[in-house]
Structure formats: C-alpha cells, structure tokens
Amino acid sequence: MLTTLQTTYTDTRAGDLAWCLGGGQLPALAVLDLRIGPTDLQLRLLGASHQVILGSGEEECSETVACLPGRRTPLPARVAECVHGWEYEFAAQVESFQEEGFARRAQELLALVENHPHGLAGVFPGDPNAFTALLAGGGEREVFWRTWHAYPQEGRLVCTRSSLRLREGEAERG
C-alpha cells in the first residue's frame, strides 16, 4: 500500500534516527494490520519514522525507529535480544548515493512495496523520493520485516532488517 503522508517532513537527517525496543504505540499517519502465521503484526508510519507492533496485551512487542526525544545515540548496527520467548534481531545500515542513483533506488523500493500485500509506504509531499517504507513476511515460527527511510537531501537511505523467531522449546503462539 502506497500513501501520500499528510504531514511535513520532520526527520531531517539519517543520523537523527534512534532505535527503541518496547514502549507504547505512538501516533501513526498510516497503519497496515497483518496476520503472518500465528502472529498479529501492525506496520505503522510515524512521519519519516516507523513502528512495528507484534502481538497484543502482555505479549506485545514494539520496535520503533524514529527521532525520539532524549535519544541522541546513533542507530545500532546490530541488536539481538530475547523477547517473550522469541529471539529478536535488528540490523541497520546507511547507504549513500549520488542524486541520480538515489532517485532510481527510491523508485525501485516504492514499486516493490506499493503492490505487495504486506507492504506499507508513505511518500512526503513535495518530493517523490522522500519516503518511509515497510515490508513484512514470515511464517509459523518467524516474522521478519525490512524498512527504508529515505533522505533525498543527503542522498542517504537508512535500511533496517528485523526478525522475531520462536525459540526452540517454546509453544506455538496464537
């Protein structure tokens, strides 16, 4: 699903993004509710940022990549933690492009996500290459998602990969 976000572009630099596991739901500009295997998953666009919510109630897990108040540490390259019987992994990298290469890559990613049943992308008014996009997948024992945060003014693309895998010996979740 592709949408034009009805907001101004607030994250101004790729280096402003921070990562957070846990915490409550933040106000979203666009939401896509999914069920992948036994897992409920919600993809949320928060302006130039994203939030992914898995499960519900006490079993809820959230990942947020955003400009978070009070957080000035850089986005981590890699994180691995145990969350509610799941193995969570996160990885981030920043890709840099020349202007033409950036525009081409931005449009490729938007085309990939736009018609995917588990994809959500939001484009900011005024620049077709300023966007945030999420794409999810998985099955019975694993859920994964990728995200892209585009910064055309810098020619930078922040790419993240995350997954939750059911730990060996854990009961199936519904």
Protein backbone atom coordinates (compact mmCIF):
# COMPACT_ATOMS: atom_id res chain seq x y z
CA MET A 1 0.00 0.00 0.00
CA LEU A 2 1.35 3.40 -1.00
CA THR A 3 0.06 6.59 0.55
CA THR A 4 0.94 10.27 0.47
CA LEU A 5 1.55 11.39 4.03
CA GLN A 6 -0.36 14.46 5.13
CA THR A 7 2.44 15.96 7.17
CA THR A 8 5.65 17.89 6.78
CA TYR A 9 8.98 16.11 6.59
CA THR A 10 10.24 16.23 10.19
CA ASP A 11 13.28 13.93 10.35
CA THR A 12 15.89 15.97 8.58
CA ARG A 13 18.97 13.72 8.73
CA ALA A 14 19.60 10.00 8.61
CA GLY A 15 21.81 10.42 11.69
CA ASP A 16 18.82 11.65 13.76
CA LEU A 17 17.16 8.21 13.83
CA ALA A 18 17.25 6.18 17.04
CA TRP A 19 16.08 2.63 17.79
CA CYS A 20 13.88 1.51 20.68
CA LEU A 21 12.51 -1.92 21.58
CA GLY A 22 9.42 -1.73 23.78
CA GLY A 23 7.42 1.31 24.73
CA GLY A 24 3.90 2.27 23.80
CA GLN A 25 2.27 2.92 20.49
CA LEU A 26 3.00 6.34 19.02
CA PRO A 27 0.52 8.32 16.88
CA ALA A 28 0.59 6.93 13.34
CA LEU A 29 -0.06 8.59 9.98
CA ALA A 30 -0.77 5.24 8.27
CA VAL A 31 -1.29 1.69 9.59
CA LEU A 32 -1.40 -1.76 8.00
CA ASP A 33 -2.74 -4.65 10.12
CA LEU A 34 -1.47 -8.10 9.14
CA ARG A 35 -1.52 -11.69 10.33
CA ILE A 36 1.58 -13.68 9.41
CA GLY A 37 1.40 -17.29 10.56
CA PRO A 38 0.07 -17.17 14.12
CA THR A 39 1.31 -13.61 14.71
CA ASP A 40 -0.63 -10.36 14.59
CA LEU A 41 1.56 -7.61 13.19
CA GLN A 42 0.91 -3.91 12.71
CA LEU A 43 3.09 -1.76 10.45
CA ARG A 44 2.92 1.92 11.42
CA LEU A 45 4.26 5.00 9.64
CA LEU A 46 5.21 7.81 12.03
CA GLY A 47 6.20 10.52 9.63
CA ALA A 48 9.73 9.74 8.48
CA SER A 49 9.87 7.03 11.10
CA HIS A 50 8.31 3.63 11.69
CA GLN A 51 6.91 1.44 14.42
CA VAL A 52 6.14 -2.28 14.21
CA ILE A 53 3.80 -3.80 16.82
CA LEU A 54 3.65 -7.59 17.23
CA GLY A 55 1.10 -9.43 19.34
CA SER A 56 -1.15 -7.76 21.87
CA GLY A 57 -1.61 -7.23 25.59
CA GLU A 58 1.20 -8.54 27.80
CA GLU A 59 2.73 -10.39 24.84
CA GLU A 60 3.04 -7.19 22.77
CA CYS A 61 6.43 -6.29 21.36
CA SER A 62 7.18 -3.00 19.62
CA GLU A 63 10.10 -1.74 17.59
CA THR A 64 10.46 1.95 16.87
CA VAL A 65 12.98 3.67 14.61
CA ALA A 66 12.40 7.40 14.91
CA CYS A 67 13.72 10.70 16.13
CA LEU A 68 12.97 10.00 19.78
CA PRO A 69 13.06 12.79 22.38
CA GLY A 70 16.09 12.48 24.63
CA ARG A 71 17.84 9.90 22.42
CA ARG A 72 20.96 11.08 20.70
CA THR A 73 22.79 7.78 20.26
CA PRO A 74 23.26 6.57 16.70
CA LEU A 75 21.13 3.79 15.27
CA PRO A 76 22.80 0.50 16.29
CA ALA A 77 24.34 -1.63 13.54
CA ARG A 78 23.08 -4.84 15.18
CA VAL A 79 20.99 -5.90 18.20
CA ALA A 80 19.95 -9.37 19.43
CA GLU A 81 17.62 -9.88 22.42
CA CYS A 82 15.10 -12.35 23.83
CA VAL A 83 11.53 -11.00 23.93
CA HIS A 84 8.57 -13.03 25.29
CA GLY A 85 10.08 -16.36 24.20
CA TRP A 86 11.14 -15.02 20.82
CA GLU A 87 14.64 -14.29 19.53
CA TYR A 88 14.64 -10.73 18.20
CA GLU A 89 17.30 -9.45 15.82
CA PHE A 90 17.74 -5.98 14.35
CA ALA A 91 20.31 -4.68 11.89
CA ALA A 92 20.69 -1.25 10.30
CA GLN A 93 22.89 0.26 7.64
CA VAL A 94 23.05 3.56 5.82
CA GLU A 95 23.53 3.58 2.04
CA SER A 96 24.81 6.71 0.28
CA PHE A 97 24.07 7.58 -3.35
CA GLN A 98 24.68 10.25 -5.93
CA GLU A 99 21.47 12.10 -6.86
CA GLU A 100 20.53 10.01 -9.93
CA GLY A 101 21.33 6.71 -8.20
CA PHE A 102 19.30 7.73 -5.18
CA ALA A 103 16.22 8.57 -7.27
CA ARG A 104 16.45 5.25 -9.13
CA ARG A 105 16.81 3.22 -5.92
CA ALA A 106 13.97 5.15 -4.23
CA GLN A 107 11.57 4.42 -7.08
CA GLU A 108 12.59 0.72 -7.17
CA LEU A 109 11.81 0.38 -3.47
CA LEU A 110 8.50 2.20 -3.73
CA ALA A 111 7.47 -0.06 -6.64
CA LEU A 112 8.43 -3.15 -4.60
CA VAL A 113 6.36 -2.11 -1.57
CA GLU A 114 3.39 -0.46 -3.32
CA ASN A 115 1.70 -3.63 -4.59
CA HIS A 116 2.97 -6.08 -2.00
CA PRO A 117 0.19 -7.41 0.29
CA HIS A 118 2.46 -6.96 3.33
CA GLY A 119 3.91 -3.59 2.32
CA LEU A 120 3.26 -0.05 3.50
CA ALA A 121 4.97 3.08 2.17
CA GLY A 122 4.37 6.75 2.78
CA VAL A 123 5.69 9.48 0.49
CA PHE A 124 6.11 13.02 1.75
CA PRO A 125 4.51 15.90 -0.15
CA GLY A 126 6.91 17.81 -2.36
CA ASP A 127 9.48 15.09 -3.10
CA PRO A 128 8.61 11.70 -4.63
CA ASN A 129 11.89 10.30 -3.28
CA ALA A 130 11.23 11.27 0.36
CA PHE A 131 9.53 8.27 1.93
CA THR A 132 9.39 5.66 4.64
CA ALA A 133 8.55 2.08 3.63
CA LEU A 134 7.99 -1.22 5.44
CA LEU A 135 7.69 -4.75 4.08
CA ALA A 136 6.87 -7.82 6.22
CA GLY A 137 6.89 -11.59 5.75
CA GLY A 138 7.37 -14.85 7.58
CA GLY A 139 5.54 -17.97 8.62
CA GLU A 140 4.68 -20.16 11.62
CA ARG A 141 7.90 -19.73 13.62
CA GLU A 142 9.36 -16.48 12.30
CA VAL A 143 8.21 -12.97 11.38
CA PHE A 144 10.53 -10.54 9.65
CA TRP A 145 10.34 -7.04 8.25
CA ARG A 146 12.51 -4.60 6.37
CA THR A 147 12.28 -0.83 6.38
CA TRP A 148 13.69 2.02 4.35
CA HIS A 149 13.90 5.67 5.43
CA ALA A 150 14.82 7.95 2.52
CA TYR A 151 16.72 11.22 2.90
CA PRO A 152 16.98 12.66 -0.64
CA GLN A 153 18.55 15.92 0.57
CA GLU A 154 21.52 13.84 1.82
CA GLY A 155 21.39 11.10 -0.80
CA ARG A 156 21.12 8.60 2.07
CA LEU A 157 18.87 5.63 2.65
CA VAL A 158 18.60 4.06 6.11
CA CYS A 159 17.83 0.35 5.71
CA THR A 160 16.79 -1.90 8.58
CA ARG A 161 16.14 -5.63 8.88
CA SER A 162 14.35 -7.16 11.84
CA SER A 163 13.09 -10.61 12.78
CA LEU A 164 11.41 -12.49 15.58
CA ARG A 165 12.00 -16.26 15.71
CA LEU A 166 10.22 -18.57 18.10
CA ARG A 167 12.85 -20.02 20.45
CA GLU A 168 13.34 -23.76 20.45
CA GLY A 169 11.09 -25.39 23.04
CA GLU A 170 8.56 -22.54 23.12
CA ALA A 171 4.89 -23.33 22.48
CA GLU A 172 3.31 -22.06 19.29
CA ARG A 173 1.68 -18.66 19.78
CA GLY A 174 -1.77 -17.70 18.60
